[in-house]
Amino acid sequence: MDSKERTGATYQHASLQHVIGKKMTNESLRNRLGIKTSSYSLASRIIRKAIQEKLVKPQGSKVGVGKSAFYLPFWA
């Protein structure tokens, strides 16, 4: 999966999570993309890129603050 596909998958994951009443987190994205827990920084980079591309947005003001960081699709 290349970078563009990963950011697209991040948007889709955030959208699906929102529709079913859940929130996307670093952990949920890692699980979705099959990223090992030890590679949490890879998921963080993917999320940051999706934010830069305005596909997802942080919920509240806690961007990348541990387990309290949640992300929504841009339209939510």
C-alpha atoms as a PDB file:
ATOM      1  CA  MET A   1       0.000   0.000   0.000  1.00  0.00           C
ATOM      2  CA  ASP A   2       1.498   3.332  -0.979  1.00  0.00           C
ATOM      3  CA  SER A   3       1.202   6.625   0.895  1.00  0.00           C
ATOM      4  CA  LYS A   4      -1.855   7.850  -1.041  1.00  0.00           C
ATOM      5  CA  GLU A   5      -3.671   4.567  -0.458  1.00  0.00           C
ATOM      6  CA  ARG A   6      -2.871   4.716   3.270  1.00  0.00           C
ATOM      7  CA  THR A   7      -4.270   8.236   3.637  1.00  0.00           C
ATOM      8  CA  GLY A   8      -7.371   7.178   1.695  1.00  0.00           C
ATOM      9  CA  ALA A   9      -7.775   4.166   3.978  1.00  0.00           C
ATOM     10  CA  THR A  10      -7.412   6.505   6.969  1.00  0.00           C
ATOM     11  CA  TYR A  11     -10.262   8.668   5.681  1.00  0.00           C
ATOM     12  CA  GLN A  12     -12.433   5.599   5.045  1.00  0.00           C
ATOM     13  CA  HIS A  13     -11.678   4.233   8.507  1.00  0.00           C
ATOM     14  CA  ALA A  14     -12.498   7.565  10.182  1.00  0.00           C
ATOM     15  CA  SER A  15     -15.760   7.743   8.205  1.00  0.00           C
ATOM     16  CA  LEU A  16     -16.803   4.190   9.079  1.00  0.00           C
ATOM     17  CA  GLN A  17     -15.941   4.684  12.746  1.00  0.00           C
ATOM     18  CA  HIS A  18     -17.998   7.900  12.821  1.00  0.00           C
ATOM     19  CA  VAL A  19     -21.019   6.294  11.135  1.00  0.00           C
ATOM     20  CA  ILE A  20     -21.114   3.449  13.665  1.00  0.00           C
ATOM     21  CA  GLY A  21     -20.708   5.845  16.590  1.00  0.00           C
ATOM     22  CA  LYS A  22     -17.058   5.199  17.366  1.00  0.00           C
ATOM     23  CA  LYS A  23     -13.943   7.330  17.062  1.00  0.00           C
ATOM     24  CA  MET A  24     -10.794   6.711  15.079  1.00  0.00           C
ATOM     25  CA  THR A  25      -7.659   6.510  17.193  1.00  0.00           C
ATOM     26  CA  ASN A  26      -4.046   5.649  16.486  1.00  0.00           C
ATOM     27  CA  GLU A  27      -4.765   2.183  17.864  1.00  0.00           C
ATOM     28  CA  SER A  28      -7.891   1.602  15.759  1.00  0.00           C
ATOM     29  CA  LEU A  29      -6.020   2.679  12.625  1.00  0.00           C
ATOM     30  CA  ARG A  30      -3.105   0.375  13.457  1.00  0.00           C
ATOM     31  CA  ASN A  31      -5.553  -2.505  13.861  1.00  0.00           C
ATOM     32  CA  ARG A  32      -7.304  -1.636  10.585  1.00  0.00           C
ATOM     33  CA  LEU A  33      -4.063  -1.411   8.590  1.00  0.00           C
ATOM     34  CA  GLY A  34      -2.308  -4.307  10.339  1.00  0.00           C
ATOM     35  CA  ILE A  35       0.465  -2.129  11.783  1.00  0.00           C
ATOM     36  CA  LYS A  36       2.334  -3.613  14.737  1.00  0.00           C
ATOM     37  CA  THR A  37       1.939  -1.890  18.117  1.00  0.00           C
ATOM     38  CA  SER A  38       5.671  -1.228  18.171  1.00  0.00           C
ATOM     39  CA  SER A  39       5.240   0.809  14.961  1.00  0.00           C
ATOM     40  CA  TYR A  40       2.727   3.279  16.422  1.00  0.00           C
ATOM     41  CA  SER A  41       4.742   6.184  14.971  1.00  0.00           C
ATOM     42  CA  LEU A  42       3.920   4.960  11.446  1.00  0.00           C
ATOM     43  CA  ALA A  43       0.210   5.293  12.203  1.00  0.00           C
ATOM     44  CA  SER A  44       0.861   8.768  13.650  1.00  0.00           C
ATOM     45  CA  ARG A  45       2.604   9.838  10.437  1.00  0.00           C
ATOM     46  CA  ILE A  46      -0.270   8.495   8.333  1.00  0.00           C
ATOM     47  CA  ILE A  47      -2.799  10.391  10.475  1.00  0.00           C
ATOM     48  CA  ARG A  48      -0.740  13.606  10.248  1.00  0.00           C
ATOM     49  CA  LYS A  49      -0.628  13.299   6.464  1.00  0.00           C
ATOM     50  CA  ALA A  50      -4.403  12.716   6.312  1.00  0.00           C
ATOM     51  CA  ILE A  51      -4.884  15.848   8.464  1.00  0.00           C
ATOM     52  CA  GLN A  52      -2.594  17.867   6.164  1.00  0.00           C
ATOM     53  CA  GLU A  53      -4.612  16.676   3.173  1.00  0.00           C
ATOM     54  CA  LYS A  54      -7.783  17.718   5.058  1.00  0.00           C
ATOM     55  CA  LEU A  55      -9.262  14.210   4.899  1.00  0.00           C
ATOM     56  CA  VAL A  56      -9.581  13.890   8.670  1.00  0.00           C
ATOM     57  CA  LYS A  57      -9.559  16.345  11.535  1.00  0.00           C
ATOM     58  CA  PRO A  58      -8.717  16.026  15.201  1.00  0.00           C
ATOM     59  CA  GLN A  59     -11.628  16.040  17.587  1.00  0.00           C
ATOM     60  CA  GLY A  60     -11.088  18.922  19.959  1.00  0.00           C
ATOM     61  CA  SER A  61      -7.665  20.423  20.454  1.00  0.00           C
ATOM     62  CA  LYS A  62      -5.789  17.239  21.374  1.00  0.00           C
ATOM     63  CA  VAL A  63      -3.829  16.427  18.231  1.00  0.00           C
ATOM     64  CA  GLY A  64      -1.608  13.437  18.861  1.00  0.00           C
ATOM     65  CA  VAL A  65      -1.866  13.488  22.652  1.00  0.00           C
ATOM     66  CA  GLY A  66      -1.589   9.835  23.569  1.00  0.00           C
ATOM     67  CA  LYS A  67      -4.700   7.753  24.006  1.00  0.00           C
ATOM     68  CA  SER A  68      -6.921  10.823  24.311  1.00  0.00           C
ATOM     69  CA  ALA A  69      -6.498  11.762  20.624  1.00  0.00           C
ATOM     70  CA  PHE A  70      -9.509  11.039  18.403  1.00  0.00           C
ATOM     71  CA  TYR A  71     -10.020  11.854  14.757  1.00  0.00           C
ATOM     72  CA  LEU A  72     -13.094  12.482  12.604  1.00  0.00           C
ATOM     73  CA  PRO A  73     -13.666  12.597   8.850  1.00  0.00           C
ATOM     74  CA  PHE A  74     -13.471  16.147   7.496  1.00  0.00           C
ATOM     75  CA  TRP A  75     -17.250  16.405   7.029  1.00  0.00           C
ATOM     76  CA  ALA A  76     -18.210  15.461  10.592  1.00  0.00           C
END
